[in-house]
Amino acid sequence: MARRLAGDAEPDALLTALLAIAEKVRVDGRTVTADDVARAREAGADDQAIHDTVLIAAAFCMFNWYVDGLGTLIPEDPATCEQRVRHLAEHGYR
């Protein structure tokens, strides 16, 4: 289902419908409705595309909460950021 948008191309109906579901998952997955799924199906989504959309959006949320919970803020200074990345690569989270 991977699609790329060239330049300033507008997303097609399928991508728009799936992104609407992903946005609802990001905010509160319980707000995804049967109408959202029906819109995605009408635009050409199958069960796999809808499942993958929800799974990917939920996984990104979980990863973001995990990183936030570890208190790993991204520093504005590039040198500090590079130092942290190097430290994590060598020592992991401690």
C-alpha atoms as a PDB file:
ATOM      1  CA  MET A   1       0.000   0.000   0.000  1.00  0.00           C
ATOM      2  CA  ALA A   2       3.015   2.297   0.105  1.00  0.00           C
ATOM      3  CA  ARG A   3       2.389   5.410  -1.955  1.00  0.00           C
ATOM      4  CA  ARG A   4       4.567   8.451  -2.418  1.00  0.00           C
ATOM      5  CA  LEU A   5       3.322  11.933  -3.127  1.00  0.00           C
ATOM      6  CA  ALA A   6       5.310  13.823  -5.714  1.00  0.00           C
ATOM      7  CA  GLY A   7       5.986  17.495  -5.125  1.00  0.00           C
ATOM      8  CA  ASP A   8       2.851  19.387  -4.175  1.00  0.00           C
ATOM      9  CA  ALA A   9       0.510  16.545  -5.129  1.00  0.00           C
ATOM     10  CA  GLU A  10      -2.658  16.299  -3.092  1.00  0.00           C
ATOM     11  CA  PRO A  11      -3.176  13.040  -1.226  1.00  0.00           C
ATOM     12  CA  ASP A  12      -5.701  10.772  -2.863  1.00  0.00           C
ATOM     13  CA  ALA A  13      -8.963   9.677  -1.244  1.00  0.00           C
ATOM     14  CA  LEU A  14      -7.489   6.431   0.106  1.00  0.00           C
ATOM     15  CA  LEU A  15      -4.551   8.125   1.783  1.00  0.00           C
ATOM     16  CA  THR A  16      -6.810  10.862   3.158  1.00  0.00           C
ATOM     17  CA  ALA A  17      -9.214   8.313   4.658  1.00  0.00           C
ATOM     18  CA  LEU A  18      -6.399   6.268   6.217  1.00  0.00           C
ATOM     19  CA  LEU A  19      -4.703   9.363   7.619  1.00  0.00           C
ATOM     20  CA  ALA A  20      -8.018  10.393   9.199  1.00  0.00           C
ATOM     21  CA  ILE A  21      -8.110   7.045  10.999  1.00  0.00           C
ATOM     22  CA  ALA A  22      -4.459   7.376  12.030  1.00  0.00           C
ATOM     23  CA  GLU A  23      -5.133  10.848  13.452  1.00  0.00           C
ATOM     24  CA  LYS A  24      -8.032   9.527  15.527  1.00  0.00           C
ATOM     25  CA  VAL A  25      -5.823   6.706  16.824  1.00  0.00           C
ATOM     26  CA  ARG A  26      -3.175   9.283  17.736  1.00  0.00           C
ATOM     27  CA  VAL A  27      -5.635  11.359  19.748  1.00  0.00           C
ATOM     28  CA  ASP A  28      -7.821   8.566  21.179  1.00  0.00           C
ATOM     29  CA  GLY A  29      -8.262   5.285  19.336  1.00  0.00           C
ATOM     30  CA  ARG A  30     -11.696   4.824  20.832  1.00  0.00           C
ATOM     31  CA  THR A  31     -12.989   7.596  18.581  1.00  0.00           C
ATOM     32  CA  VAL A  32     -12.501   5.617  15.354  1.00  0.00           C
ATOM     33  CA  THR A  33     -16.020   4.919  14.105  1.00  0.00           C
ATOM     34  CA  ALA A  34     -17.627   2.499  11.703  1.00  0.00           C
ATOM     35  CA  ASP A  35     -18.126   5.496   9.393  1.00  0.00           C
ATOM     36  CA  ASP A  36     -14.359   6.143   9.379  1.00  0.00           C
ATOM     37  CA  VAL A  37     -13.718   2.548   8.387  1.00  0.00           C
ATOM     38  CA  ALA A  38     -16.503   2.649   5.786  1.00  0.00           C
ATOM     39  CA  ARG A  39     -15.001   5.809   4.249  1.00  0.00           C
ATOM     40  CA  ALA A  40     -11.631   4.065   4.008  1.00  0.00           C
ATOM     41  CA  ARG A  41     -13.233   1.005   2.427  1.00  0.00           C
ATOM     42  CA  GLU A  42     -15.115   3.179  -0.090  1.00  0.00           C
ATOM     43  CA  ALA A  43     -11.798   4.781  -1.020  1.00  0.00           C
ATOM     44  CA  GLY A  44     -10.293   1.354  -1.696  1.00  0.00           C
ATOM     45  CA  ALA A  45      -8.811   0.218   1.634  1.00  0.00           C
ATOM     46  CA  ASP A  46      -8.958  -3.464   2.478  1.00  0.00           C
ATOM     47  CA  ASP A  47      -8.759  -5.063   5.930  1.00  0.00           C
ATOM     48  CA  GLN A  48      -4.955  -5.198   5.766  1.00  0.00           C
ATOM     49  CA  ALA A  49      -4.599  -1.469   4.955  1.00  0.00           C
ATOM     50  CA  ILE A  50      -6.935  -0.466   7.792  1.00  0.00           C
ATOM     51  CA  HIS A  51      -5.242  -2.832  10.237  1.00  0.00           C
ATOM     52  CA  ASP A  52      -1.777  -1.611   9.264  1.00  0.00           C
ATOM     53  CA  THR A  53      -2.849   2.024   9.604  1.00  0.00           C
ATOM     54  CA  VAL A  54      -4.152   1.495  13.130  1.00  0.00           C
ATOM     55  CA  LEU A  55      -1.166  -0.637  14.135  1.00  0.00           C
ATOM     56  CA  ILE A  56       1.418   1.834  12.850  1.00  0.00           C
ATOM     57  CA  ALA A  57      -0.306   4.849  14.413  1.00  0.00           C
ATOM     58  CA  ALA A  58      -0.646   3.046  17.751  1.00  0.00           C
ATOM     59  CA  ALA A  59       2.971   1.877  17.673  1.00  0.00           C
ATOM     60  CA  PHE A  60       4.245   5.409  17.041  1.00  0.00           C
ATOM     61  CA  CYS A  61       2.177   6.649  19.988  1.00  0.00           C
ATOM     62  CA  MET A  62       3.603   3.936  22.211  1.00  0.00           C
ATOM     63  CA  PHE A  63       7.181   4.680  21.123  1.00  0.00           C
ATOM     64  CA  ASN A  64       6.693   8.390  21.767  1.00  0.00           C
ATOM     65  CA  TRP A  65       5.252   7.730  25.244  1.00  0.00           C
ATOM     66  CA  TYR A  66       8.145   5.372  25.963  1.00  0.00           C
ATOM     67  CA  VAL A  67      10.768   7.939  24.987  1.00  0.00           C
ATOM     68  CA  ASP A  68       8.910  10.687  26.878  1.00  0.00           C
ATOM     69  CA  GLY A  69       8.741   8.447  29.940  1.00  0.00           C
ATOM     70  CA  LEU A  70      12.492   7.980  29.856  1.00  0.00           C
ATOM     71  CA  GLY A  71      12.930  11.732  29.952  1.00  0.00           C
ATOM     72  CA  THR A  72      14.972  11.756  26.767  1.00  0.00           C
ATOM     73  CA  LEU A  73      14.415  15.293  25.583  1.00  0.00           C
ATOM     74  CA  ILE A  74      16.053  16.352  22.348  1.00  0.00           C
ATOM     75  CA  PRO A  75      18.545  19.124  23.059  1.00  0.00           C
ATOM     76  CA  GLU A  76      18.606  22.166  20.801  1.00  0.00           C
ATOM     77  CA  ASP A  77      22.406  22.185  20.613  1.00  0.00           C
ATOM     78  CA  PRO A  78      23.589  19.772  17.861  1.00  0.00           C
ATOM     79  CA  ALA A  79      26.828  18.995  19.737  1.00  0.00           C
ATOM     80  CA  THR A  80      24.876  17.959  22.849  1.00  0.00           C
ATOM     81  CA  CYS A  81      22.567  15.839  20.724  1.00  0.00           C
ATOM     82  CA  GLU A  82      25.530  14.089  19.093  1.00  0.00           C
ATOM     83  CA  GLN A  83      27.096  13.486  22.508  1.00  0.00           C
ATOM     84  CA  ARG A  84      23.882  11.889  23.816  1.00  0.00           C
ATOM     85  CA  VAL A  85      23.528   9.666  20.776  1.00  0.00           C
ATOM     86  CA  ARG A  86      27.115   8.495  21.121  1.00  0.00           C
ATOM     87  CA  HIS A  87      26.608   7.830  24.853  1.00  0.00           C
ATOM     88  CA  LEU A  88      23.422   5.817  24.207  1.00  0.00           C
ATOM     89  CA  ALA A  89      25.133   3.806  21.475  1.00  0.00           C
ATOM     90  CA  GLU A  90      28.026   2.931  23.775  1.00  0.00           C
ATOM     91  CA  HIS A  91      26.266   2.541  27.137  1.00  0.00           C
ATOM     92  CA  GLY A  92      22.504   2.263  26.538  1.00  0.00           C
ATOM     93  CA  TYR A  93      20.018   3.778  28.988  1.00  0.00           C
ATOM     94  CA  ARG A  94      21.370   3.933  32.542  1.00  0.00           C
END
